[in-house]
C-alpha atoms as a PDB file:
ATOM      1  CA  UNK A   1     108.622 -88.869  99.387  1.00  0.00           C
ATOM      2  CA  UNK A   2     108.130 -91.325 102.435  1.00  0.00           C
ATOM      3  CA  UNK A   3     105.772 -93.036 103.656  1.00  0.00           C
ATOM      4  CA  UNK A   4     105.495 -90.715 106.754  1.00  0.00           C
ATOM      5  CA  UNK A   5     104.945 -87.674 104.791  1.00  0.00           C
ATOM      6  CA  UNK A   6     101.499 -86.134 105.781  1.00  0.00           C
ATOM      7  CA  UNK A   7      99.753 -84.498 102.943  1.00  0.00           C
ATOM      8  CA  UNK A   8      98.466 -81.250 103.918  1.00  0.00           C
ATOM      9  CA  UNK A   9     100.378 -80.445 107.301  1.00  0.00           C
ATOM     10  CA  UNK A  10     103.560 -78.013 107.197  1.00  0.00           C
ATOM     11  CA  UNK A  11     105.090 -79.923 110.197  1.00  0.00           C
ATOM     12  CA  UNK A  12     105.470 -83.662 109.908  1.00  0.00           C
ATOM     13  CA  UNK A  13     106.193 -84.837 113.936  1.00  0.00           C
ATOM     14  CA  UNK A  14     106.116 -83.275 117.050  1.00  0.00           C
ATOM     15  CA  UNK A  15     110.104 -82.393 118.030  1.00  0.00           C
ATOM     16  CA  UNK A  16     110.294 -82.679 121.773  1.00  0.00           C
ATOM     17  CA  UNK A  17     109.491 -79.984 123.984  1.00  0.00           C
ATOM     18  CA  UNK A  18     112.686 -78.658 125.655  1.00  0.00           C
ATOM     19  CA  UNK A  19     110.659 -77.457 129.069  1.00  0.00           C
ATOM     20  CA  UNK A  20     108.932 -81.100 129.473  1.00  0.00           C
ATOM     21  CA  UNK A  21     111.336 -83.936 131.104  1.00  0.00           C
ATOM     22  CA  UNK A  22     109.052 -86.463 129.695  1.00  0.00           C
ATOM     23  CA  UNK A  23     106.981 -86.861 126.416  1.00  0.00           C
ATOM     24  CA  UNK A  24     105.046 -89.245 124.489  1.00  0.00           C
ATOM     25  CA  UNK A  25     107.193 -90.429 121.655  1.00  0.00           C
ATOM     26  CA  UNK A  26     106.243 -92.886 118.491  1.00  0.00           C
ATOM     27  CA  UNK A  27     109.391 -95.270 118.103  1.00  0.00           C
ATOM     28  CA  UNK A  28     108.711 -96.209 114.453  1.00  0.00           C
ATOM     29  CA  UNK A  29     106.589 -94.244 111.690  1.00  0.00           C
ATOM     30  CA  UNK A  30     104.185 -97.005 111.026  1.00  0.00           C
ATOM     31  CA  UNK A  31     102.730 -96.576 114.843  1.00  0.00           C
ATOM     32  CA  UNK A  32     102.471-100.509 115.635  1.00  0.00           C
ATOM     33  CA  UNK A  33     101.383-100.151 118.968  1.00  0.00           C
ATOM     34  CA  UNK A  34      99.372 -97.159 118.697  1.00  0.00           C
ATOM     35  CA  UNK A  35      99.297 -93.679 116.292  1.00  0.00           C
ATOM     36  CA  UNK A  36     100.318 -91.301 118.549  1.00  0.00           C
ATOM     37  CA  UNK A  37      99.362 -88.219 116.357  1.00  0.00           C
ATOM     38  CA  UNK A  38      96.755 -90.538 114.664  1.00  0.00           C
ATOM     39  CA  UNK A  39      93.915 -87.570 115.048  1.00  0.00           C
ATOM     40  CA  UNK A  40      93.749 -84.796 112.652  1.00  0.00           C
ATOM     41  CA  UNK A  41      91.300 -82.987 114.447  1.00  0.00           C
ATOM     42  CA  UNK A  42      91.851 -79.206 115.264  1.00  0.00           C
ATOM     43  CA  UNK A  43      91.568 -78.733 119.093  1.00  0.00           C
ATOM     44  CA  UNK A  44      90.313 -75.175 120.538  1.00  0.00           C
ATOM     45  CA  UNK A  45      92.408 -74.936 124.069  1.00  0.00           C
ATOM     46  CA  UNK A  46      90.203 -71.300 125.830  1.00  0.00           C
ATOM     47  CA  UNK A  47      92.448 -69.360 127.688  1.00  0.00           C
ATOM     48  CA  UNK A  48      91.419 -66.335 130.001  1.00  0.00           C
ATOM     49  CA  UNK A  49      94.731 -64.030 130.637  1.00  0.00           C
ATOM     50  CA  UNK A  50      95.152 -61.205 132.717  1.00  0.00           C
ATOM     51  CA  UNK A  51      96.489 -58.936 130.141  1.00  0.00           C
ATOM     52  CA  UNK A  52      96.437 -59.345 126.342  1.00  0.00           C
ATOM     53  CA  UNK A  53      98.778 -56.144 125.439  1.00  0.00           C
ATOM     54  CA  UNK A  54     102.540 -57.518 124.889  1.00  0.00           C
ATOM     55  CA  UNK A  55     105.398 -55.229 124.266  1.00  0.00           C
ATOM     56  CA  UNK A  56     108.469 -56.086 122.239  1.00  0.00           C
ATOM     57  CA  UNK A  57     111.701 -53.966 123.239  1.00  0.00           C
ATOM     58  CA  UNK A  58     113.245 -55.676 120.524  1.00  0.00           C
ATOM     59  CA  UNK A  59     115.655 -53.351 118.266  1.00  0.00           C
ATOM     60  CA  UNK A  60     114.179 -54.898 115.182  1.00  0.00           C
ATOM     61  CA  UNK A  61     110.207 -54.192 115.960  1.00  0.00           C
ATOM     62  CA  UNK A  62     110.859 -50.518 117.360  1.00  0.00           C
ATOM     63  CA  UNK A  63     109.124 -50.950 120.826  1.00  0.00           C
ATOM     64  CA  UNK A  64     106.096 -52.762 118.947  1.00  0.00           C
ATOM     65  CA  UNK A  65     102.662 -53.592 121.014  1.00  0.00           C
ATOM     66  CA  UNK A  66     101.148 -56.291 119.509  1.00  0.00           C
ATOM     67  CA  UNK A  67      97.595 -58.421 120.838  1.00  0.00           C
ATOM     68  CA  UNK A  68      96.998 -62.051 119.850  1.00  0.00           C
ATOM     69  CA  UNK A  69      94.025 -63.522 119.616  1.00  0.00           C
ATOM     70  CA  UNK A  70      95.625 -67.048 119.512  1.00  0.00           C
ATOM     71  CA  UNK A  71      98.334 -68.875 120.267  1.00  0.00           C
ATOM     72  CA  UNK A  72      99.200 -71.953 117.577  1.00  0.00           C
ATOM     73  CA  UNK A  73      98.144 -71.673 113.793  1.00  0.00           C
ATOM     74  CA  UNK A  74      95.864 -73.791 111.549  1.00  0.00           C
ATOM     75  CA  UNK A  75      98.525 -72.626 108.697  1.00  0.00           C
ATOM     76  CA  UNK A  76     100.960 -74.683 109.278  1.00  0.00           C
ATOM     77  CA  UNK A  77     103.598 -72.889 107.308  1.00  0.00           C
ATOM     78  CA  UNK A  78     106.909 -74.912 108.042  1.00  0.00           C
ATOM     79  CA  UNK A  79     108.991 -71.733 108.799  1.00  0.00           C
ATOM     80  CA  UNK A  80     107.259 -69.982 111.072  1.00  0.00           C
ATOM     81  CA  UNK A  81     109.007 -68.535 114.008  1.00  0.00           C
ATOM     82  CA  UNK A  82     106.470 -68.799 116.163  1.00  0.00           C
ATOM     83  CA  UNK A  83     106.041 -72.311 116.250  1.00  0.00           C
ATOM     84  CA  UNK A  84     108.344 -72.151 119.794  1.00  0.00           C
ATOM     85  CA  UNK A  85     106.002 -70.578 121.468  1.00  0.00           C
ATOM     86  CA  UNK A  86     104.307 -73.339 121.614  1.00  0.00           C
ATOM     87  CA  UNK A  87     106.525 -74.796 123.618  1.00  0.00           C
ATOM     88  CA  UNK A  88     105.798 -72.233 126.714  1.00  0.00           C
ATOM     89  CA  UNK A  89     102.122 -73.895 126.888  1.00  0.00           C
ATOM     90  CA  UNK A  90     103.578 -77.500 127.229  1.00  0.00           C
ATOM     91  CA  UNK A  91     102.996 -78.422 123.454  1.00  0.00           C
ATOM     92  CA  UNK A  92     105.072 -79.289 120.940  1.00  0.00           C
ATOM     93  CA  UNK A  93     106.217 -76.658 117.999  1.00  0.00           C
ATOM     94  CA  UNK A  94     105.463 -79.877 115.135  1.00  0.00           C
ATOM     95  CA  UNK A  95     102.047 -80.678 114.860  1.00  0.00           C
ATOM     96  CA  UNK A  96     100.615 -79.597 118.276  1.00  0.00           C
ATOM     97  CA  UNK A  97     101.272 -75.861 117.073  1.00  0.00           C
ATOM     98  CA  UNK A  98      99.208 -76.979 114.038  1.00  0.00           C
ATOM     99  CA  UNK A  99      96.590 -79.221 115.738  1.00  0.00           C
ATOM    100  CA  UNK A 100      96.073 -77.451 119.712  1.00  0.00           C
ATOM    101  CA  UNK A 101      94.814 -73.490 118.653  1.00  0.00           C
ATOM    102  CA  UNK A 102      94.702 -71.684 121.545  1.00  0.00           C
ATOM    103  CA  UNK A 103      92.024 -69.155 121.777  1.00  0.00           C
ATOM    104  CA  UNK A 104      91.828 -65.442 123.945  1.00  0.00           C
ATOM    105  CA  UNK A 105      88.031 -65.111 123.792  1.00  0.00           C
ATOM    106  CA  UNK A 106      88.412 -62.014 126.681  1.00  0.00           C
ATOM    107  CA  UNK A 107      91.048 -60.283 124.385  1.00  0.00           C
ATOM    108  CA  UNK A 108      88.647 -57.370 123.152  1.00  0.00           C
ATOM    109  CA  UNK A 109      86.998 -56.810 126.762  1.00  0.00           C
ATOM    110  CA  UNK A 110      90.917 -56.807 128.107  1.00  0.00           C
ATOM    111  CA  UNK A 111      92.118 -54.660 125.455  1.00  0.00           C
ATOM    112  CA  UNK A 112      89.159 -52.082 126.569  1.00  0.00           C
ATOM    113  CA  UNK A 113      90.496 -52.004 129.840  1.00  0.00           C
ATOM    114  CA  UNK A 114      93.483 -50.877 128.667  1.00  0.00           C
ATOM    115  CA  UNK A 115      92.761 -48.053 126.731  1.00  0.00           C
ATOM    116  CA  UNK A 116      90.261 -46.819 129.821  1.00  0.00           C
ATOM    117  CA  UNK A 117      93.700 -46.831 131.755  1.00  0.00           C
ATOM    118  CA  UNK A 118      95.154 -43.439 132.656  1.00  0.00           C
ATOM    119  CA  UNK A 119      99.114 -44.948 131.663  1.00  0.00           C
ATOM    120  CA  UNK A 120      97.810 -45.870 128.184  1.00  0.00           C
ATOM    121  CA  UNK A 121      99.091 -43.620 125.308  1.00  0.00           C
ATOM    122  CA  UNK A 122      98.174 -43.819 121.637  1.00  0.00           C
ATOM    123  CA  UNK A 123     100.013 -46.209 119.750  1.00  0.00           C
ATOM    124  CA  UNK A 124      99.449 -48.386 117.027  1.00  0.00           C
ATOM    125  CA  UNK A 125      98.627 -52.007 118.211  1.00  0.00           C
ATOM    126  CA  UNK A 126      99.618 -54.875 116.104  1.00  0.00           C
ATOM    127  CA  UNK A 127      97.305 -58.157 115.302  1.00  0.00           C
ATOM    128  CA  UNK A 128      99.125 -59.903 115.724  1.00  0.00           C
ATOM    129  CA  UNK A 129     102.776 -60.372 116.860  1.00  0.00           C
ATOM    130  CA  UNK A 130     102.904 -64.175 116.900  1.00  0.00           C
ATOM    131  CA  UNK A 131     100.137 -66.172 114.752  1.00  0.00           C
ATOM    132  CA  UNK A 132      97.509 -65.163 112.146  1.00  0.00           C
ATOM    133  CA  UNK A 133      94.538 -63.271 113.843  1.00  0.00           C
ATOM    134  CA  UNK A 134      92.796 -64.418 110.781  1.00  0.00           C
ATOM    135  CA  UNK A 135      93.259 -68.043 110.928  1.00  0.00           C
ATOM    136  CA  UNK A 136      90.263 -70.150 110.209  1.00  0.00           C
ATOM    137  CA  UNK A 137      89.382 -70.821 113.631  1.00  0.00           C
ATOM    138  CA  UNK A 138      88.683 -66.955 113.466  1.00  0.00           C
ATOM    139  CA  UNK A 139      85.598 -67.230 111.266  1.00  0.00           C
ATOM    140  CA  UNK A 140      84.095 -68.783 114.253  1.00  0.00           C
ATOM    141  CA  UNK A 141      84.928 -67.124 117.275  1.00  0.00           C
ATOM    142  CA  UNK A 142      85.571 -63.518 115.464  1.00  0.00           C
ATOM    143  CA  UNK A 143      87.867 -62.357 118.603  1.00  0.00           C
ATOM    144  CA  UNK A 144      90.011 -60.577 115.919  1.00  0.00           C
ATOM    145  CA  UNK A 145      86.940 -58.387 114.657  1.00  0.00           C
ATOM    146  CA  UNK A 146      85.840 -57.387 117.696  1.00  0.00           C
ATOM    147  CA  UNK A 147      89.334 -56.608 118.327  1.00  0.00           C
ATOM    148  CA  UNK A 148      88.669 -54.308 115.530  1.00  0.00           C
ATOM    149  CA  UNK A 149      85.747 -52.483 117.086  1.00  0.00           C
ATOM    150  CA  UNK A 150      87.584 -51.900 120.472  1.00  0.00           C
ATOM    151  CA  UNK A 151      90.351 -49.878 118.147  1.00  0.00           C
ATOM    152  CA  UNK A 152      87.591 -48.184 116.309  1.00  0.00           C
ATOM    153  CA  UNK A 153      85.571 -47.113 119.710  1.00  0.00           C
ATOM    154  CA  UNK A 154      88.573 -45.223 121.004  1.00  0.00           C
ATOM    155  CA  UNK A 155      90.352 -44.256 117.747  1.00  0.00           C
ATOM    156  CA  UNK A 156      93.122 -46.718 118.614  1.00  0.00           C
ATOM    157  CA  UNK A 157      95.447 -47.435 115.803  1.00  0.00           C
ATOM    158  CA  UNK A 158      96.062 -50.677 114.434  1.00  0.00           C
ATOM    159  CA  UNK A 159      98.336 -52.713 112.286  1.00  0.00           C
ATOM    160  CA  UNK A 160      97.215 -55.953 110.582  1.00  0.00           C
ATOM    161  CA  UNK A 161      99.305 -58.911 109.144  1.00  0.00           C
ATOM    162  CA  UNK A 162      97.804 -62.053 107.484  1.00  0.00           C
ATOM    163  CA  UNK A 163      97.705 -64.437 105.144  1.00  0.00           C
ATOM    164  CA  UNK A 164      93.559 -65.186 104.970  1.00  0.00           C
ATOM    165  CA  UNK A 165      91.605 -63.408 102.549  1.00  0.00           C
ATOM    166  CA  UNK A 166      88.873 -63.695 105.672  1.00  0.00           C
ATOM    167  CA  UNK A 167      89.828 -60.104 106.216  1.00  0.00           C
ATOM    168  CA  UNK A 168      87.631 -59.160 103.563  1.00  0.00           C
ATOM    169  CA  UNK A 169      84.492 -59.671 106.040  1.00  0.00           C
ATOM    170  CA  UNK A 170      85.390 -57.102 107.922  1.00  0.00           C
ATOM    171  CA  UNK A 171      86.214 -54.283 105.179  1.00  0.00           C
ATOM    172  CA  UNK A 172      82.952 -52.249 106.871  1.00  0.00           C
ATOM    173  CA  UNK A 173      85.246 -51.788 110.128  1.00  0.00           C
ATOM    174  CA  UNK A 174      88.794 -51.271 108.311  1.00  0.00           C
ATOM    175  CA  UNK A 175      86.999 -48.701 106.068  1.00  0.00           C
ATOM    176  CA  UNK A 176      85.844 -47.226 108.514  1.00  0.00           C
ATOM    177  CA  UNK A 177      89.575 -46.882 110.282  1.00  0.00           C
ATOM    178  CA  UNK A 178      91.050 -46.113 107.192  1.00  0.00           C
ATOM    179  CA  UNK A 179      88.981 -42.713 106.537  1.00  0.00           C
ATOM    180  CA  UNK A 180      90.457 -41.470 110.404  1.00  0.00           C
ATOM    181  CA  UNK A 181      93.990 -42.745 109.611  1.00  0.00           C
ATOM    182  CA  UNK A 182      93.698 -45.585 111.654  1.00  0.00           C
ATOM    183  CA  UNK A 183      94.880 -48.726 110.342  1.00  0.00           C
ATOM    184  CA  UNK A 184      97.512 -50.424 108.469  1.00  0.00           C
ATOM    185  CA  UNK A 185      97.225 -54.108 106.633  1.00  0.00           C
ATOM    186  CA  UNK A 186     100.391 -55.947 105.087  1.00  0.00           C
ATOM    187  CA  UNK A 187      99.797 -59.018 103.294  1.00  0.00           C
ATOM    188  CA  UNK A 188     102.524 -61.852 103.725  1.00  0.00           C
ATOM    189  CA  UNK A 189     103.331 -62.907  99.961  1.00  0.00           C
ATOM    190  CA  UNK A 190     105.993 -65.832  99.552  1.00  0.00           C
ATOM    191  CA  UNK A 191     105.763 -67.090  96.260  1.00  0.00           C
ATOM    192  CA  UNK A 192     103.809 -67.434  93.050  1.00  0.00           C
ATOM    193  CA  UNK A 193     104.217 -71.577  92.608  1.00  0.00           C
ATOM    194  CA  UNK A 194     101.397 -73.117  94.342  1.00  0.00           C
ATOM    195  CA  UNK A 195     103.116 -76.665  94.297  1.00  0.00           C
ATOM    196  CA  UNK A 196     105.664 -74.676  96.763  1.00  0.00           C
ATOM    197  CA  UNK A 197     102.940 -72.577  98.616  1.00  0.00           C
ATOM    198  CA  UNK A 198     100.956 -75.868  99.366  1.00  0.00           C
ATOM    199  CA  UNK A 199     104.091 -77.621 101.243  1.00  0.00           C
ATOM    200  CA  UNK A 200     105.608 -74.645 102.799  1.00  0.00           C
ATOM    201  CA  UNK A 201     102.044 -73.264 103.878  1.00  0.00           C
ATOM    202  CA  UNK A 202      99.489 -75.964 103.179  1.00  0.00           C
ATOM    203  CA  UNK A 203      96.473 -73.960 104.768  1.00  0.00           C
ATOM    204  CA  UNK A 204      96.788 -70.709 103.563  1.00  0.00           C
ATOM    205  CA  UNK A 205      94.942 -68.615 100.603  1.00  0.00           C
ATOM    206  CA  UNK A 206      96.462 -68.886  97.598  1.00  0.00           C
ATOM    207  CA  UNK A 207      98.888 -65.558  96.345  1.00  0.00           C
ATOM    208  CA  UNK A 208      96.483 -65.258  93.572  1.00  0.00           C
ATOM    209  CA  UNK A 209      93.479 -64.754  96.332  1.00  0.00           C
ATOM    210  CA  UNK A 210      95.409 -62.888  98.446  1.00  0.00           C
ATOM    211  CA  UNK A 211      96.541 -60.241  95.491  1.00  0.00           C
ATOM    212  CA  UNK A 212      92.726 -60.071  94.962  1.00  0.00           C
ATOM    213  CA  UNK A 213      92.391 -59.356  98.692  1.00  0.00           C
ATOM    214  CA  UNK A 214      95.360 -56.800  98.670  1.00  0.00           C
ATOM    215  CA  UNK A 215      92.836 -55.255  95.486  1.00  0.00           C
ATOM    216  CA  UNK A 216      90.284 -55.321  96.956  1.00  0.00           C
ATOM    217  CA  UNK A 217      90.911 -53.297 100.000  1.00  0.00           C
ATOM    218  CA  UNK A 218      93.544 -50.864  98.418  1.00  0.00           C
ATOM    219  CA  UNK A 219      90.789 -49.921  96.571  1.00  0.00           C
ATOM    220  CA  UNK A 220      88.554 -49.476  99.206  1.00  0.00           C
ATOM    221  CA  UNK A 221      90.879 -46.671 100.635  1.00  0.00           C
ATOM    222  CA  UNK A 222      92.676 -49.407 102.925  1.00  0.00           C
ATOM    223  CA  UNK A 223      96.204 -48.190 103.033  1.00  0.00           C
ATOM    224  CA  UNK A 224      98.209 -52.128 102.036  1.00  0.00           C
ATOM    225  CA  UNK A 225     101.690 -53.203 102.358  1.00  0.00           C
ATOM    226  CA  UNK A 226     103.385 -56.635 102.089  1.00  0.00           C
ATOM    227  CA  UNK A 227     106.048 -58.294 103.617  1.00  0.00           C
ATOM    228  CA  UNK A 228     107.453 -61.052 100.988  1.00  0.00           C
ATOM    229  CA  UNK A 229     108.510 -63.151 104.089  1.00  0.00           C
ATOM    230  CA  UNK A 230     110.714 -65.025 104.694  1.00  0.00           C
ATOM    231  CA  UNK A 231     112.900 -65.189 101.776  1.00  0.00           C
ATOM    232  CA  UNK A 232     114.753 -68.862 101.375  1.00  0.00           C
ATOM    233  CA  UNK A 233     117.495 -69.429  98.994  1.00  0.00           C
ATOM    234  CA  UNK A 234     117.306 -71.386  95.861  1.00  0.00           C
ATOM    235  CA  UNK A 235     113.227 -72.038  96.861  1.00  0.00           C
ATOM    236  CA  UNK A 236     111.957 -68.621  96.425  1.00  0.00           C
ATOM    237  CA  UNK A 237     114.293 -66.115  96.500  1.00  0.00           C
ATOM    238  CA  UNK A 238     114.514 -65.600  92.331  1.00  0.00           C
ATOM    239  CA  UNK A 239     110.736 -64.565  92.670  1.00  0.00           C
ATOM    240  CA  UNK A 240     111.420 -61.060  94.127  1.00  0.00           C
ATOM    241  CA  UNK A 241     111.050 -58.791  91.260  1.00  0.00           C
ATOM    242  CA  UNK A 242     107.516 -60.627  89.892  1.00  0.00           C
ATOM    243  CA  UNK A 243     106.377 -60.545  93.788  1.00  0.00           C
ATOM    244  CA  UNK A 244     107.146 -56.988  93.773  1.00  0.00           C
ATOM    245  CA  UNK A 245     105.886 -56.138  90.421  1.00  0.00           C
ATOM    246  CA  UNK A 246     102.769 -58.148  91.324  1.00  0.00           C
ATOM    247  CA  UNK A 247     102.468 -56.475  94.925  1.00  0.00           C
ATOM    248  CA  UNK A 248     102.425 -53.140  93.083  1.00  0.00           C
ATOM    249  CA  UNK A 249     100.062 -53.529  90.256  1.00  0.00           C
ATOM    250  CA  UNK A 250      97.432 -54.676  93.444  1.00  0.00           C
ATOM    251  CA  UNK A 251      97.864 -51.515  95.034  1.00  0.00           C
ATOM    252  CA  UNK A 252     100.258 -52.308  97.794  1.00  0.00           C
ATOM    253  CA  UNK A 253     102.059 -48.999  99.204  1.00  0.00           C
ATOM    254  CA  UNK A 254     104.788 -50.818 100.661  1.00  0.00           C
ATOM    255  CA  UNK A 255     107.265 -53.501 100.976  1.00  0.00           C
ATOM    256  CA  UNK A 256     109.573 -55.102 103.499  1.00  0.00           C
ATOM    257  CA  UNK A 257     111.066 -58.932 103.379  1.00  0.00           C
ATOM    258  CA  UNK A 258     113.001 -61.040 106.194  1.00  0.00           C
ATOM    259  CA  UNK A 259     115.646 -63.920 105.351  1.00  0.00           C
ATOM    260  CA  UNK A 260     114.836 -67.605 106.731  1.00  0.00           C
ATOM    261  CA  UNK A 261     115.689 -68.459 110.259  1.00  0.00           C
ATOM    262  CA  UNK A 262     115.736 -71.807 112.123  1.00  0.00           C
ATOM    263  CA  UNK A 263     116.023 -71.228 115.629  1.00  0.00           C
ATOM    264  CA  UNK A 264     115.419 -74.140 118.096  1.00  0.00           C
ATOM    265  CA  UNK A 265     112.462 -76.658 117.193  1.00  0.00           C
ATOM    266  CA  UNK A 266     111.984 -75.035 113.754  1.00  0.00           C
ATOM    267  CA  UNK A 267     115.656 -76.404 112.244  1.00  0.00           C
ATOM    268  CA  UNK A 268     114.403 -79.894 112.819  1.00  0.00           C
ATOM    269  CA  UNK A 269     110.891 -79.681 111.342  1.00  0.00           C
ATOM    270  CA  UNK A 270     112.265 -77.556 108.495  1.00  0.00           C
ATOM    271  CA  UNK A 271     114.642 -80.002 107.452  1.00  0.00           C
ATOM    272  CA  UNK A 272     112.671 -83.058 107.723  1.00  0.00           C
ATOM    273  CA  UNK A 273     110.452 -81.175 105.611  1.00  0.00           C
ATOM    274  CA  UNK A 274     112.173 -79.844 102.902  1.00  0.00           C
ATOM    275  CA  UNK A 275     113.994 -83.675 102.114  1.00  0.00           C
ATOM    276  CA  UNK A 276     110.275 -85.086 102.167  1.00  0.00           C
ATOM    277  CA  UNK A 277     109.139 -81.999  99.685  1.00  0.00           C
ATOM    278  CA  UNK A 278     111.856 -81.139  97.795  1.00  0.00           C
ATOM    279  CA  UNK A 279     114.837 -84.031  98.026  1.00  0.00           C
ATOM    280  CA  UNK A 280     116.308 -82.691  94.751  1.00  0.00           C
ATOM    281  CA  UNK A 281     117.654 -79.640  96.008  1.00  0.00           C
ATOM    282  CA  UNK A 282     117.080 -80.251  99.965  1.00  0.00           C
ATOM    283  CA  UNK A 283     120.653 -80.388 100.728  1.00  0.00           C
ATOM    284  CA  UNK A 284     121.852 -76.979  98.505  1.00  0.00           C
ATOM    285  CA  UNK A 285     118.864 -75.227 100.521  1.00  0.00           C
ATOM    286  CA  UNK A 286     120.143 -76.265 104.137  1.00  0.00           C
ATOM    287  CA  UNK A 287     123.856 -75.543 102.937  1.00  0.00           C
ATOM    288  CA  UNK A 288     122.530 -71.748 101.676  1.00  0.00           C
ATOM    289  CA  UNK A 289     120.507 -70.940 104.984  1.00  0.00           C
ATOM    290  CA  UNK A 290     123.677 -72.134 106.919  1.00  0.00           C
ATOM    291  CA  UNK A 291     125.366 -69.668 104.939  1.00  0.00           C
ATOM    292  CA  UNK A 292     123.075 -67.254 105.409  1.00  0.00           C
ATOM    293  CA  UNK A 293     124.016 -67.130 109.406  1.00  0.00           C
ATOM    294  CA  UNK A 294     127.678 -67.697 109.811  1.00  0.00           C
ATOM    295  CA  UNK A 295     127.429 -71.683 109.380  1.00  0.00           C
ATOM    296  CA  UNK A 296     124.410 -72.332 111.493  1.00  0.00           C
ATOM    297  CA  UNK A 297     120.698 -72.124 110.521  1.00  0.00           C
ATOM    298  CA  UNK A 298     119.569 -69.993 113.195  1.00  0.00           C
ATOM    299  CA  UNK A 299     120.449 -66.531 114.267  1.00  0.00           C
ATOM    300  CA  UNK A 300     119.338 -64.393 117.458  1.00  0.00           C
ATOM    301  CA  UNK A 301     121.420 -61.265 116.789  1.00  0.00           C
ATOM    302  CA  UNK A 302     119.499 -58.163 116.523  1.00  0.00           C
ATOM    303  CA  UNK A 303     119.131 -56.973 112.739  1.00  0.00           C
ATOM    304  CA  UNK A 304     121.642 -59.253 111.611  1.00  0.00           C
ATOM    305  CA  UNK A 305     118.696 -62.190 112.335  1.00  0.00           C
ATOM    306  CA  UNK A 306     116.331 -60.349 109.985  1.00  0.00           C
ATOM    307  CA  UNK A 307     118.319 -60.317 106.995  1.00  0.00           C
ATOM    308  CA  UNK A 308     121.400 -62.769 107.697  1.00  0.00           C
ATOM    309  CA  UNK A 309     124.996 -61.392 106.324  1.00  0.00           C
ATOM    310  CA  UNK A 310     127.603 -63.154 103.753  1.00  0.00           C
ATOM    311  CA  UNK A 311     127.211 -63.220  99.717  1.00  0.00           C
ATOM    312  CA  UNK A 312     123.779 -64.696  99.937  1.00  0.00           C
ATOM    313  CA  UNK A 313     122.707 -62.065 101.770  1.00  0.00           C
ATOM    314  CA  UNK A 314     124.025 -59.253  99.544  1.00  0.00           C
ATOM    315  CA  UNK A 315     122.271 -60.764  96.424  1.00  0.00           C
ATOM    316  CA  UNK A 316     118.912 -60.791  98.018  1.00  0.00           C
ATOM    317  CA  UNK A 317     119.284 -57.684  99.392  1.00  0.00           C
ATOM    318  CA  UNK A 318     120.620 -55.966  96.148  1.00  0.00           C
ATOM    319  CA  UNK A 319     117.443 -57.601  94.402  1.00  0.00           C
ATOM    320  CA  UNK A 320     114.834 -56.382  96.607  1.00  0.00           C
ATOM    321  CA  UNK A 321     116.136 -52.620  96.735  1.00  0.00           C
ATOM    322  CA  UNK A 322     116.232 -52.666  93.588  1.00  0.00           C
ATOM    323  CA  UNK A 323     112.747 -54.258  92.379  1.00  0.00           C
ATOM    324  CA  UNK A 324     111.586 -51.896  95.305  1.00  0.00           C
ATOM    325  CA  UNK A 325     112.811 -49.084  93.197  1.00  0.00           C
ATOM    326  CA  UNK A 326     111.949 -50.500  90.065  1.00  0.00           C
ATOM    327  CA  UNK A 327     108.063 -51.085  90.940  1.00  0.00           C
ATOM    328  CA  UNK A 328     107.287 -49.518  94.285  1.00  0.00           C
ATOM    329  CA  UNK A 329     109.379 -45.873  94.235  1.00  0.00           C
ATOM    330  CA  UNK A 330     107.710 -43.007  95.598  1.00  0.00           C
ATOM    331  CA  UNK A 331     104.695 -44.978  97.485  1.00  0.00           C
ATOM    332  CA  UNK A 332     104.475 -45.099 101.383  1.00  0.00           C
ATOM    333  CA  UNK A 333     102.223 -45.959 104.178  1.00  0.00           C
ATOM    334  CA  UNK A 334     100.243 -42.908 105.751  1.00  0.00           C
ATOM    335  CA  UNK A 335     101.080 -42.135 108.966  1.00  0.00           C
ATOM    336  CA  UNK A 336      98.989 -43.086 111.775  1.00  0.00           C
ATOM    337  CA  UNK A 337      96.794 -40.565 113.377  1.00  0.00           C
ATOM    338  CA  UNK A 338      97.479 -40.455 117.248  1.00  0.00           C
ATOM    339  CA  UNK A 339      95.417 -37.715 117.977  1.00  0.00           C
ATOM    340  CA  UNK A 340      92.289 -39.518 117.701  1.00  0.00           C
ATOM    341  CA  UNK A 341      92.245 -41.432 120.662  1.00  0.00           C
ATOM    342  CA  UNK A 342      89.472 -41.110 123.149  1.00  0.00           C
ATOM    343  CA  UNK A 343      89.930 -42.458 126.465  1.00  0.00           C
ATOM    344  CA  UNK A 344      86.597 -42.548 127.113  1.00  0.00           C
ATOM    345  CA  UNK A 345      85.132 -45.073 123.837  1.00  0.00           C
ATOM    346  CA  UNK A 346      83.400 -41.894 122.796  1.00  0.00           C
ATOM    347  CA  UNK A 347      85.006 -41.384 120.058  1.00  0.00           C
ATOM    348  CA  UNK A 348      82.424 -42.654 117.936  1.00  0.00           C
ATOM    349  CA  UNK A 349      79.557 -40.723 119.332  1.00  0.00           C
ATOM    350  CA  UNK A 350      80.819 -37.616 117.613  1.00  0.00           C
END
């Protein structure tokens, strides 16, 4: 690990933004003239969008509707596919993604307005399709909490995926939603190796804390599932059976997985990270990721991009399916109740 390693960060530098023709760069890691990325302080950029619900027509996501209260994420997961979306804001997918957080405080108001429109038909809303809705800034801004209150008010189903135990703060709202079959919660679980977790997902809750939170919510009657994602060969693929057993013991009703894919700027970020974090196996990991995706580390082909192809993909799939049958056979998430929706917002009055 060389002098330029930034402890506590996933990305180690700011790669070029493909949408910008002129950019600030640091020519030497010592920053002889000035340190371009000297300030590690978080910056909150307030955005006021005109609409908040996004619709995905991807076959992988089955016409998913999502709301993203934040863009950028302090968790700093090195593999995060959402890093590339930060370039749309004029920022970098690297350190900027972890330090420059775009917040949308008018999101609850926009969601309420959407529910009031005659064109809206009750559909599950995912929090979030992009970055974690319970990342640290949520503790201060409480946008996610307000979004849940809007969903409860109108009786609209909501799904959540998170790595942060801050979700326990909203247990009272979640219990009310669960009582009406209006909520699913998914926890992203990657590894039980804390050294790997702290380097790969530097500002996330430990896996032990996530499992505790999963158990707390499950015991409170909130339907919970897990995503073992991403699976990275020679880093965490061997952990699938033990992770499946632990999430099942904690009360998870379902589990899914995706393999790592390193589209656009994430490729050079991950390659730099793996060389600095695990130099002994960097080449092996990189080559096996390429094997998953037909000789490259990226893939945009529907369906195939989520699971890869070839012998390594087959091994991961078989290990996951065998583990799921062993530890979670017969479990499933309850269906959402779409009949609870009330356009007047008076659902909670009765």
